[in-house]
């Protein structure tokens, strides 16, 4: 879901502020520890691949994903003064909390997962879905923070998201609007705010 927030925020921001201004702002972008995010993404993809081949990796995946979220939260906290970042932090924290109390995995509602089709629902039921997710049941803690919100047509991508995803993407959208759209009231720019 994070990609959706980035793509929508970029598209709207560039339309509102202009491509030239947006490119200028990107050239002056400064996020403390910002290179950590792509590294964490790559590490998650590596872990997804390992869990399919190794039962030991699958057993450690919950702890691994919690460590990835903790590292991400630390970097977000370092940037908490940037516009929109408190929302991003709050959304990631909500996802971290529900995963932390459920063994490092995100619970997915069966009712919501029905929009993904019978194949994914069967994977959830058998427990062979992506190791970061599992089918919500009566033992699930904080189920209201799990993936319980289905998105389908007219939304361009069918998926199931959490309340944390919504809060995080709102923050991403706000940040990108602040970055890409000039503040005509006082000429304030992102680089001035970040200092």
N, C-alpha and C. Protein backbone atom coordinates (compact mmCIF):
# COMPACT_ATOMS: atom_id res chain seq x y z
N UNK A 1 0.81 -1.21 0.00
CA UNK A 1 0.00 0.00 0.00
C UNK A 1 0.85 1.27 0.00
N UNK A 2 2.07 1.18 0.53
CA UNK A 2 2.92 2.38 0.60
C UNK A 2 3.22 2.92 -0.79
N UNK A 3 3.29 2.03 -1.78
CA UNK A 3 3.56 2.49 -3.15
C UNK A 3 2.42 3.34 -3.67
N UNK A 4 1.19 2.99 -3.29
CA UNK A 4 0.03 3.76 -3.73
C UNK A 4 0.12 5.20 -3.23
N UNK A 5 0.45 5.35 -1.95
CA UNK A 5 0.56 6.69 -1.38
C UNK A 5 1.63 7.51 -2.06
N UNK A 6 2.75 6.86 -2.37
CA UNK A 6 3.85 7.57 -3.05
C UNK A 6 3.43 7.97 -4.46
N UNK A 7 2.86 7.04 -5.21
CA UNK A 7 2.48 7.33 -6.60
C UNK A 7 1.39 8.39 -6.68
N UNK A 8 0.37 8.27 -5.83
CA UNK A 8 -0.71 9.26 -5.84
C UNK A 8 -0.19 10.62 -5.39
N UNK A 9 0.61 10.64 -4.33
CA UNK A 9 1.18 11.89 -3.84
C UNK A 9 2.07 12.56 -4.88
N UNK A 10 2.90 11.76 -5.58
CA UNK A 10 3.76 12.32 -6.62
C UNK A 10 2.93 12.90 -7.77
N UNK A 11 1.95 12.13 -8.24
CA UNK A 11 1.14 12.57 -9.38
C UNK A 11 0.41 13.87 -9.04
N UNK A 12 -0.26 13.89 -7.90
CA UNK A 12 -1.02 15.09 -7.52
C UNK A 12 -0.08 16.26 -7.27
N UNK A 13 1.03 16.01 -6.57
CA UNK A 13 1.98 17.07 -6.26
C UNK A 13 2.60 17.68 -7.50
N UNK A 14 2.99 16.84 -8.46
CA UNK A 14 3.60 17.36 -9.69
C UNK A 14 2.58 18.10 -10.54
N UNK A 15 1.33 17.64 -10.53
CA UNK A 15 0.28 18.36 -11.26
C UNK A 15 0.01 19.71 -10.62
N UNK A 16 0.00 19.76 -9.30
CA UNK A 16 -0.30 21.01 -8.59
C UNK A 16 0.87 21.98 -8.61
N UNK A 17 2.08 21.48 -8.46
CA UNK A 17 3.23 22.36 -8.32
C UNK A 17 4.08 22.52 -9.55
N UNK A 18 3.89 21.65 -10.52
CA UNK A 18 4.68 21.72 -11.74
C UNK A 18 5.91 20.81 -11.66
N UNK A 19 6.25 20.24 -12.79
CA UNK A 19 7.37 19.29 -12.84
C UNK A 19 8.70 19.98 -12.55
N UNK A 20 8.88 21.17 -13.08
CA UNK A 20 10.15 21.88 -12.87
C UNK A 20 10.41 22.15 -11.39
N UNK A 21 9.39 22.67 -10.70
CA UNK A 21 9.53 22.93 -9.27
C UNK A 21 9.75 21.62 -8.51
N UNK A 22 8.99 20.57 -8.87
CA UNK A 22 9.12 19.28 -8.21
C UNK A 22 10.51 18.70 -8.34
N UNK A 23 11.09 18.76 -9.53
CA UNK A 23 12.45 18.24 -9.73
C UNK A 23 13.46 19.04 -8.91
N UNK A 24 13.26 20.35 -8.84
CA UNK A 24 14.15 21.20 -8.03
C UNK A 24 14.08 20.78 -6.57
N UNK A 25 12.87 20.55 -6.09
CA UNK A 25 12.70 20.15 -4.70
C UNK A 25 13.34 18.79 -4.42
N UNK A 26 13.20 17.85 -5.37
CA UNK A 26 13.82 16.55 -5.18
C UNK A 26 15.34 16.65 -5.10
N UNK A 27 15.92 17.59 -5.85
CA UNK A 27 17.37 17.74 -5.82
C UNK A 27 17.86 18.26 -4.47
N UNK A 28 16.98 18.91 -3.71
CA UNK A 28 17.38 19.43 -2.40
C UNK A 28 16.81 18.60 -1.24
N UNK A 29 16.23 17.45 -1.57
CA UNK A 29 15.60 16.59 -0.57
C UNK A 29 16.62 16.09 0.44
N UNK A 30 16.25 16.16 1.71
CA UNK A 30 17.12 15.66 2.77
C UNK A 30 16.28 14.95 3.83
N UNK A 31 16.36 13.63 3.85
CA UNK A 31 15.71 12.82 4.87
C UNK A 31 16.82 12.11 5.63
N UNK A 32 16.90 12.35 6.92
CA UNK A 32 17.95 11.72 7.72
C UNK A 32 17.79 10.21 7.69
N UNK A 33 18.85 9.51 7.30
CA UNK A 33 18.80 8.05 7.23
C UNK A 33 17.93 7.52 6.12
N UNK A 34 17.64 8.36 5.13
CA UNK A 34 16.70 8.01 4.07
C UNK A 34 17.10 6.78 3.26
N UNK A 35 18.39 6.49 3.16
CA UNK A 35 18.84 5.31 2.41
C UNK A 35 18.51 4.00 3.12
N UNK A 36 18.12 4.10 4.38
CA UNK A 36 17.74 2.90 5.13
C UNK A 36 16.47 2.27 4.55
N UNK A 37 15.53 3.11 4.07
CA UNK A 37 14.25 2.58 3.58
C UNK A 37 14.42 1.62 2.39
N UNK A 38 15.19 2.00 1.34
CA UNK A 38 15.38 1.03 0.25
C UNK A 38 16.09 -0.24 0.72
N UNK A 39 17.03 -0.10 1.65
CA UNK A 39 17.73 -1.26 2.17
C UNK A 39 16.76 -2.19 2.90
N UNK A 40 15.87 -1.63 3.71
CA UNK A 40 14.88 -2.44 4.43
C UNK A 40 13.95 -3.15 3.46
N UNK A 41 13.59 -2.47 2.37
CA UNK A 41 12.72 -3.08 1.37
C UNK A 41 13.40 -4.28 0.71
N UNK A 42 14.67 -4.10 0.35
CA UNK A 42 15.43 -5.20 -0.27
C UNK A 42 15.55 -6.37 0.71
N UNK A 43 15.84 -6.07 1.97
CA UNK A 43 15.95 -7.14 2.97
C UNK A 43 14.64 -7.92 3.12
N UNK A 44 13.51 -7.22 3.03
CA UNK A 44 12.22 -7.92 3.11
C UNK A 44 12.04 -8.87 1.93
N UNK A 45 12.40 -8.40 0.73
CA UNK A 45 12.29 -9.28 -0.44
C UNK A 45 13.20 -10.50 -0.31
N UNK A 46 14.39 -10.29 0.23
CA UNK A 46 15.30 -11.42 0.45
C UNK A 46 14.68 -12.41 1.42
N UNK A 47 14.09 -11.89 2.50
CA UNK A 47 13.46 -12.77 3.49
C UNK A 47 12.28 -13.52 2.89
N UNK A 48 11.48 -12.86 2.05
CA UNK A 48 10.37 -13.57 1.39
C UNK A 48 10.90 -14.76 0.60
N UNK A 49 11.99 -14.55 -0.14
CA UNK A 49 12.58 -15.64 -0.92
C UNK A 49 13.13 -16.75 -0.04
N UNK A 50 13.77 -16.39 1.06
CA UNK A 50 14.35 -17.39 1.96
C UNK A 50 13.30 -18.23 2.65
N UNK A 51 12.17 -17.60 3.03
CA UNK A 51 11.15 -18.34 3.76
C UNK A 51 10.50 -19.41 2.89
N UNK A 52 10.52 -19.22 1.58
CA UNK A 52 9.97 -20.23 0.68
C UNK A 52 10.89 -21.45 0.57
N UNK A 53 12.18 -21.25 0.87
CA UNK A 53 13.16 -22.33 0.70
C UNK A 53 13.62 -22.95 2.01
N UNK A 54 13.42 -22.24 3.11
CA UNK A 54 14.00 -22.71 4.37
C UNK A 54 13.00 -22.59 5.51
N UNK A 55 12.78 -23.69 6.22
CA UNK A 55 11.88 -23.65 7.37
C UNK A 55 12.50 -22.86 8.52
N UNK A 56 13.82 -22.84 8.62
CA UNK A 56 14.49 -22.04 9.66
C UNK A 56 14.25 -20.56 9.42
N UNK A 57 14.35 -20.13 8.15
CA UNK A 57 14.08 -18.72 7.83
C UNK A 57 12.63 -18.38 8.09
N UNK A 58 11.72 -19.31 7.77
CA UNK A 58 10.30 -19.08 8.02
C UNK A 58 10.03 -18.91 9.51
N UNK A 59 10.72 -19.70 10.33
CA UNK A 59 10.53 -19.61 11.77
C UNK A 59 11.03 -18.28 12.33
N UNK A 60 12.05 -17.70 11.70
CA UNK A 60 12.62 -16.43 12.16
C UNK A 60 11.97 -15.21 11.52
N UNK A 61 11.09 -15.44 10.55
CA UNK A 61 10.57 -14.31 9.77
C UNK A 61 9.80 -13.30 10.61
N UNK A 62 9.03 -13.75 11.60
CA UNK A 62 8.28 -12.82 12.43
C UNK A 62 9.19 -11.84 13.16
N UNK A 63 10.25 -12.37 13.76
CA UNK A 63 11.22 -11.50 14.45
C UNK A 63 11.93 -10.59 13.47
N UNK A 64 12.22 -11.11 12.30
CA UNK A 64 12.90 -10.31 11.28
C UNK A 64 12.03 -9.12 10.87
N UNK A 65 10.75 -9.36 10.58
CA UNK A 65 9.87 -8.28 10.15
C UNK A 65 9.68 -7.24 11.26
N UNK A 66 9.63 -7.68 12.51
CA UNK A 66 9.54 -6.73 13.61
C UNK A 66 10.79 -5.86 13.68
N UNK A 67 11.96 -6.47 13.45
CA UNK A 67 13.21 -5.70 13.46
C UNK A 67 13.22 -4.68 12.32
N UNK A 68 12.71 -5.06 11.15
CA UNK A 68 12.63 -4.15 10.01
C UNK A 68 11.73 -2.96 10.36
N UNK A 69 10.58 -3.24 10.96
CA UNK A 69 9.67 -2.17 11.35
C UNK A 69 10.30 -1.27 12.40
N UNK A 70 11.01 -1.87 13.37
CA UNK A 70 11.65 -1.07 14.42
C UNK A 70 12.70 -0.14 13.81
N UNK A 71 13.48 -0.63 12.87
CA UNK A 71 14.49 0.21 12.20
C UNK A 71 13.81 1.34 11.42
N UNK A 72 12.72 1.02 10.74
CA UNK A 72 11.98 2.03 10.00
C UNK A 72 11.40 3.09 10.93
N UNK A 73 10.87 2.65 12.07
CA UNK A 73 10.32 3.61 13.04
C UNK A 73 11.41 4.53 13.57
N UNK A 74 12.60 4.01 13.78
CA UNK A 74 13.70 4.84 14.27
C UNK A 74 14.03 5.94 13.26
N UNK A 75 14.11 5.58 11.98
CA UNK A 75 14.42 6.58 10.95
C UNK A 75 13.28 7.60 10.85
N UNK A 76 12.05 7.14 10.93
CA UNK A 76 10.92 8.07 10.89
C UNK A 76 10.96 9.02 12.08
N UNK A 77 11.33 8.51 13.25
CA UNK A 77 11.43 9.37 14.43
C UNK A 77 12.50 10.44 14.24
N UNK A 78 13.61 10.08 13.60
CA UNK A 78 14.67 11.06 13.32
C UNK A 78 14.16 12.22 12.46
N UNK A 79 13.14 11.94 11.65
CA UNK A 79 12.61 12.93 10.71
C UNK A 79 11.24 13.46 11.13
N UNK A 80 10.91 13.31 12.39
CA UNK A 80 9.56 13.64 12.87
C UNK A 80 9.17 15.09 12.67
N UNK A 81 10.14 15.98 12.47
CA UNK A 81 9.81 17.40 12.29
C UNK A 81 9.43 17.72 10.85
N UNK A 82 9.68 16.79 9.94
CA UNK A 82 9.28 17.04 8.55
C UNK A 82 7.77 16.92 8.43
N UNK A 83 7.21 17.76 7.58
CA UNK A 83 5.77 17.82 7.39
C UNK A 83 5.22 16.45 6.97
N UNK A 84 4.21 15.97 7.65
CA UNK A 84 3.58 14.70 7.31
C UNK A 84 4.21 13.50 8.00
N UNK A 85 5.46 13.62 8.47
CA UNK A 85 6.14 12.47 9.05
C UNK A 85 5.52 11.97 10.36
N UNK A 86 4.92 12.84 11.19
CA UNK A 86 4.24 12.28 12.36
C UNK A 86 3.12 11.29 11.98
N UNK A 87 2.43 11.56 10.87
CA UNK A 87 1.39 10.62 10.41
C UNK A 87 2.02 9.33 9.89
N UNK A 88 3.11 9.46 9.14
CA UNK A 88 3.79 8.26 8.63
C UNK A 88 4.24 7.41 9.81
N UNK A 89 4.85 8.05 10.80
CA UNK A 89 5.32 7.35 12.00
C UNK A 89 4.15 6.65 12.70
N UNK A 90 3.04 7.37 12.88
CA UNK A 90 1.88 6.81 13.58
C UNK A 90 1.32 5.59 12.83
N UNK A 91 1.24 5.68 11.50
CA UNK A 91 0.71 4.56 10.72
C UNK A 91 1.61 3.33 10.80
N UNK A 92 2.91 3.54 10.68
CA UNK A 92 3.85 2.42 10.78
C UNK A 92 3.81 1.83 12.19
N UNK A 93 3.70 2.70 13.20
CA UNK A 93 3.61 2.23 14.58
C UNK A 93 2.37 1.36 14.79
N UNK A 94 1.23 1.75 14.23
CA UNK A 94 0.02 0.93 14.36
C UNK A 94 0.22 -0.45 13.74
N UNK A 95 0.85 -0.49 12.56
CA UNK A 95 1.13 -1.79 11.92
C UNK A 95 2.12 -2.60 12.75
N UNK A 96 3.13 -1.93 13.30
CA UNK A 96 4.11 -2.60 14.14
C UNK A 96 3.44 -3.21 15.37
N UNK A 97 2.55 -2.45 16.01
CA UNK A 97 1.89 -2.94 17.22
C UNK A 97 1.08 -4.20 16.96
N UNK A 98 0.27 -4.17 15.90
CA UNK A 98 -0.57 -5.35 15.65
C UNK A 98 0.30 -6.56 15.26
N UNK A 99 1.39 -6.32 14.56
CA UNK A 99 2.28 -7.43 14.23
C UNK A 99 3.01 -7.93 15.47
N UNK A 100 3.43 -7.01 16.34
CA UNK A 100 4.19 -7.39 17.54
C UNK A 100 3.37 -8.29 18.46
N UNK A 101 2.08 -8.01 18.60
CA UNK A 101 1.25 -8.82 19.50
C UNK A 101 0.72 -10.09 18.82
N UNK A 102 1.05 -10.26 17.53
CA UNK A 102 0.60 -11.45 16.79
C UNK A 102 1.79 -12.19 16.17
N UNK A 103 2.89 -12.25 16.90
CA UNK A 103 4.03 -13.07 16.49
C UNK A 103 4.79 -12.55 15.30
N UNK A 104 4.73 -11.25 15.03
CA UNK A 104 5.49 -10.67 13.92
C UNK A 104 4.80 -10.78 12.58
N UNK A 105 3.52 -11.15 12.59
CA UNK A 105 2.78 -11.27 11.32
C UNK A 105 1.53 -10.40 11.36
N UNK A 106 1.11 -9.96 10.18
CA UNK A 106 -0.08 -9.11 10.05
C UNK A 106 -1.32 -9.99 9.86
N UNK A 107 -2.30 -9.88 10.76
CA UNK A 107 -3.54 -10.65 10.58
C UNK A 107 -4.40 -10.07 9.45
N UNK A 108 -5.00 -10.96 8.70
CA UNK A 108 -5.84 -10.57 7.56
C UNK A 108 -7.24 -11.14 7.77
N UNK A 109 -8.23 -10.29 7.65
CA UNK A 109 -9.63 -10.70 7.79
C UNK A 109 -10.04 -11.55 6.59
N UNK A 110 -10.71 -12.67 6.85
CA UNK A 110 -11.18 -13.54 5.77
C UNK A 110 -12.21 -12.81 4.91
N UNK A 111 -13.11 -12.07 5.55
CA UNK A 111 -14.13 -11.34 4.80
C UNK A 111 -13.49 -10.33 3.84
N UNK A 112 -12.51 -9.60 4.34
CA UNK A 112 -11.85 -8.61 3.50
C UNK A 112 -11.02 -9.28 2.41
N UNK A 113 -10.38 -10.41 2.74
CA UNK A 113 -9.51 -11.10 1.78
C UNK A 113 -10.29 -11.67 0.60
N UNK A 114 -11.61 -11.80 0.73
CA UNK A 114 -12.41 -12.34 -0.37
C UNK A 114 -12.27 -11.51 -1.64
N UNK A 115 -11.95 -10.21 -1.53
CA UNK A 115 -11.79 -9.39 -2.73
C UNK A 115 -10.54 -9.81 -3.51
N UNK A 116 -9.61 -10.52 -2.86
CA UNK A 116 -8.36 -10.93 -3.52
C UNK A 116 -8.53 -12.20 -4.35
N UNK A 117 -9.67 -12.85 -4.19
CA UNK A 117 -9.94 -14.04 -4.98
C UNK A 117 -9.70 -15.33 -4.21
N UNK A 118 -10.23 -16.44 -4.73
CA UNK A 118 -10.17 -17.72 -4.02
C UNK A 118 -8.75 -18.26 -3.83
N UNK A 119 -7.84 -17.95 -4.76
CA UNK A 119 -6.47 -18.48 -4.63
C UNK A 119 -5.80 -17.94 -3.37
N UNK A 120 -5.87 -16.62 -3.17
CA UNK A 120 -5.23 -16.02 -2.00
C UNK A 120 -5.95 -16.45 -0.72
N UNK A 121 -7.27 -16.55 -0.77
CA UNK A 121 -8.03 -16.99 0.40
C UNK A 121 -7.60 -18.41 0.78
N UNK A 122 -7.41 -19.28 -0.20
CA UNK A 122 -6.95 -20.65 0.08
C UNK A 122 -5.56 -20.63 0.71
N UNK A 123 -4.67 -19.76 0.21
CA UNK A 123 -3.34 -19.65 0.80
C UNK A 123 -3.42 -19.22 2.26
N UNK A 124 -4.30 -18.28 2.55
CA UNK A 124 -4.47 -17.85 3.94
C UNK A 124 -5.01 -18.98 4.81
N UNK A 125 -6.00 -19.70 4.29
CA UNK A 125 -6.62 -20.77 5.07
C UNK A 125 -5.64 -21.90 5.36
N UNK A 126 -4.78 -22.22 4.41
CA UNK A 126 -3.82 -23.30 4.61
C UNK A 126 -2.56 -22.83 5.34
N UNK A 127 -2.42 -21.52 5.50
CA UNK A 127 -1.24 -21.00 6.19
C UNK A 127 -0.02 -20.90 5.30
N UNK A 128 -0.20 -21.06 3.98
CA UNK A 128 0.94 -21.00 3.07
C UNK A 128 1.04 -19.67 2.33
N UNK A 129 0.30 -18.67 2.83
CA UNK A 129 0.39 -17.33 2.24
C UNK A 129 1.75 -16.73 2.60
N UNK A 130 2.03 -15.57 2.03
CA UNK A 130 3.27 -14.88 2.34
C UNK A 130 3.44 -14.85 3.86
N UNK A 131 4.62 -15.16 4.34
CA UNK A 131 4.82 -15.36 5.78
C UNK A 131 4.57 -14.13 6.62
N UNK A 132 4.48 -12.98 6.01
CA UNK A 132 4.23 -11.75 6.77
C UNK A 132 2.75 -11.64 7.16
N UNK A 133 1.88 -12.43 6.54
CA UNK A 133 0.44 -12.36 6.78
C UNK A 133 -0.10 -13.71 7.24
N UNK A 134 -1.20 -13.67 7.98
CA UNK A 134 -1.88 -14.90 8.36
C UNK A 134 -3.37 -14.61 8.53
N UNK A 135 -4.17 -15.66 8.47
CA UNK A 135 -5.61 -15.52 8.57
C UNK A 135 -6.02 -15.20 10.00
N UNK A 136 -6.74 -14.11 10.16
CA UNK A 136 -7.23 -13.67 11.46
C UNK A 136 -8.15 -14.74 12.04
N UNK A 137 -8.03 -14.97 13.36
CA UNK A 137 -8.91 -15.93 14.02
C UNK A 137 -9.29 -15.40 15.40
N UNK A 138 -9.93 -16.23 16.21
CA UNK A 138 -10.42 -15.76 17.51
C UNK A 138 -9.29 -15.43 18.48
N UNK A 139 -8.09 -15.94 18.23
CA UNK A 139 -6.95 -15.66 19.11
C UNK A 139 -6.19 -14.39 18.70
N UNK A 140 -6.57 -13.79 17.58
CA UNK A 140 -5.87 -12.60 17.09
C UNK A 140 -6.04 -11.45 18.06
N UNK A 141 -4.92 -10.80 18.36
CA UNK A 141 -4.95 -9.64 19.24
C UNK A 141 -5.00 -8.36 18.40
N UNK A 142 -5.70 -7.35 18.90
CA UNK A 142 -5.90 -6.07 18.20
C UNK A 142 -6.36 -6.27 16.75
N UNK A 143 -7.39 -7.08 16.54
CA UNK A 143 -7.81 -7.38 15.17
C UNK A 143 -8.24 -6.14 14.37
N UNK A 144 -8.72 -5.12 15.06
CA UNK A 144 -9.16 -3.90 14.37
C UNK A 144 -7.99 -3.15 13.72
N UNK A 145 -6.74 -3.50 14.08
CA UNK A 145 -5.57 -2.89 13.45
C UNK A 145 -5.00 -3.75 12.33
N UNK A 146 -5.59 -4.92 12.10
CA UNK A 146 -5.11 -5.80 11.04
C UNK A 146 -5.58 -5.36 9.67
N UNK A 147 -5.29 -6.18 8.67
CA UNK A 147 -5.74 -5.92 7.30
C UNK A 147 -7.21 -6.31 7.21
N UNK A 148 -8.07 -5.31 7.40
CA UNK A 148 -9.52 -5.57 7.45
C UNK A 148 -10.31 -4.72 6.45
N UNK A 149 -9.61 -3.86 5.70
CA UNK A 149 -10.29 -2.94 4.79
C UNK A 149 -10.04 -3.37 3.35
N UNK A 150 -11.08 -3.88 2.67
CA UNK A 150 -10.89 -4.32 1.28
C UNK A 150 -10.96 -3.15 0.30
N UNK A 151 -10.08 -3.15 -0.67
CA UNK A 151 -10.12 -2.17 -1.76
C UNK A 151 -10.26 -2.93 -3.07
N UNK A 152 -11.22 -2.52 -3.87
CA UNK A 152 -11.40 -3.13 -5.19
C UNK A 152 -11.97 -2.07 -6.12
N UNK A 153 -12.38 -2.46 -7.30
CA UNK A 153 -12.88 -1.52 -8.31
C UNK A 153 -13.92 -0.59 -7.69
N UNK A 154 -13.80 0.70 -7.92
CA UNK A 154 -13.04 1.40 -8.95
C UNK A 154 -11.60 1.72 -8.58
N UNK A 155 -11.17 1.34 -7.35
CA UNK A 155 -9.76 1.54 -7.00
C UNK A 155 -8.92 0.71 -7.96
N UNK A 156 -7.82 1.24 -8.47
CA UNK A 156 -7.09 0.55 -9.53
C UNK A 156 -6.40 -0.76 -9.12
N UNK A 157 -6.17 -0.97 -7.83
CA UNK A 157 -5.48 -2.18 -7.40
C UNK A 157 -6.27 -2.85 -6.30
N UNK A 158 -6.63 -4.12 -6.50
CA UNK A 158 -7.36 -4.86 -5.48
C UNK A 158 -6.40 -5.27 -4.38
N UNK A 159 -6.74 -4.92 -3.14
CA UNK A 159 -5.88 -5.24 -2.01
C UNK A 159 -6.66 -5.12 -0.71
N UNK A 160 -6.04 -5.56 0.37
CA UNK A 160 -6.63 -5.44 1.71
C UNK A 160 -5.64 -4.66 2.55
N UNK A 161 -6.13 -3.62 3.22
CA UNK A 161 -5.23 -2.73 3.96
C UNK A 161 -5.69 -2.59 5.41
N UNK A 162 -4.83 -1.94 6.19
CA UNK A 162 -5.12 -1.72 7.61
C UNK A 162 -5.33 -0.23 7.88
N UNK A 163 -5.81 0.07 9.08
CA UNK A 163 -5.94 1.47 9.49
C UNK A 163 -4.56 2.14 9.49
N UNK A 164 -3.54 1.42 9.90
CA UNK A 164 -2.18 1.95 9.88
C UNK A 164 -1.74 2.34 8.48
N UNK A 165 -2.12 1.53 7.49
CA UNK A 165 -1.78 1.85 6.10
C UNK A 165 -2.40 3.17 5.67
N UNK A 166 -3.65 3.40 6.09
CA UNK A 166 -4.34 4.63 5.73
C UNK A 166 -3.64 5.84 6.35
N UNK A 167 -3.32 5.75 7.65
CA UNK A 167 -2.67 6.86 8.33
C UNK A 167 -1.29 7.13 7.72
N UNK A 168 -0.53 6.06 7.46
CA UNK A 168 0.80 6.19 6.86
C UNK A 168 0.72 6.84 5.49
N UNK A 169 -0.20 6.42 4.67
CA UNK A 169 -0.31 6.97 3.32
C UNK A 169 -0.82 8.40 3.34
N UNK A 170 -1.65 8.75 4.32
CA UNK A 170 -2.05 10.15 4.46
C UNK A 170 -0.82 11.01 4.74
N UNK A 171 0.07 10.52 5.59
CA UNK A 171 1.30 11.25 5.89
C UNK A 171 2.20 11.38 4.68
N UNK A 172 2.32 10.30 3.91
CA UNK A 172 3.14 10.34 2.69
C UNK A 172 2.57 11.37 1.72
N UNK A 173 1.25 11.34 1.56
CA UNK A 173 0.60 12.29 0.65
C UNK A 173 0.84 13.73 1.11
N UNK A 174 0.65 14.00 2.40
CA UNK A 174 0.87 15.35 2.93
C UNK A 174 2.31 15.80 2.73
N UNK A 175 3.24 14.90 3.00
CA UNK A 175 4.66 15.23 2.83
C UNK A 175 4.97 15.59 1.38
N UNK A 176 4.47 14.78 0.46
CA UNK A 176 4.76 15.03 -0.95
C UNK A 176 4.09 16.31 -1.45
N UNK A 177 2.92 16.63 -0.94
CA UNK A 177 2.29 17.89 -1.34
C UNK A 177 3.11 19.07 -0.82
N UNK A 178 3.57 18.94 0.42
CA UNK A 178 4.39 20.00 1.01
C UNK A 178 5.71 20.16 0.25
N UNK A 179 6.25 19.05 -0.20
CA UNK A 179 7.52 19.07 -0.93
C UNK A 179 7.36 19.63 -2.34
N UNK A 180 6.30 19.22 -3.04
CA UNK A 180 6.18 19.47 -4.47
C UNK A 180 5.37 20.70 -4.85
N UNK A 181 4.61 21.24 -3.91
CA UNK A 181 3.74 22.38 -4.23
C UNK A 181 4.26 23.61 -3.50
N UNK A 182 4.60 24.68 -4.24
CA UNK A 182 5.12 25.89 -3.57
C UNK A 182 4.08 26.50 -2.65
N UNK A 183 4.53 26.96 -1.51
CA UNK A 183 3.66 27.66 -0.57
C UNK A 183 3.62 29.13 -1.00
N UNK A 184 2.53 29.50 -1.66
CA UNK A 184 2.44 30.84 -2.25
C UNK A 184 2.23 31.93 -1.20
N UNK A 185 1.84 31.52 0.02
CA UNK A 185 1.59 32.52 1.05
C UNK A 185 2.88 33.16 1.56
N UNK A 186 3.94 32.34 1.71
CA UNK A 186 5.16 32.92 2.27
C UNK A 186 6.44 32.42 1.60
N UNK A 187 6.31 31.69 0.52
CA UNK A 187 7.49 31.21 -0.21
C UNK A 187 8.32 30.20 0.55
N UNK A 188 7.74 29.57 1.57
CA UNK A 188 8.48 28.62 2.39
C UNK A 188 8.77 27.35 1.60
N UNK A 189 9.97 26.81 1.71
CA UNK A 189 10.33 25.58 1.01
C UNK A 189 10.75 24.51 2.01
N UNK A 190 10.79 23.29 1.54
CA UNK A 190 11.13 22.16 2.39
C UNK A 190 12.52 22.30 2.97
N UNK A 191 13.50 22.74 2.16
CA UNK A 191 14.86 22.79 2.67
C UNK A 191 15.00 23.79 3.81
N UNK A 192 14.21 24.87 3.76
CA UNK A 192 14.25 25.85 4.84
C UNK A 192 13.68 25.26 6.12
N UNK A 193 12.62 24.45 5.99
CA UNK A 193 11.99 23.86 7.16
C UNK A 193 12.87 22.80 7.79
N UNK A 194 13.60 22.04 6.97
CA UNK A 194 14.38 20.92 7.48
C UNK A 194 15.61 21.37 8.27
N UNK A 195 16.03 22.61 8.11
CA UNK A 195 17.26 23.09 8.78
C UNK A 195 17.00 23.41 10.24
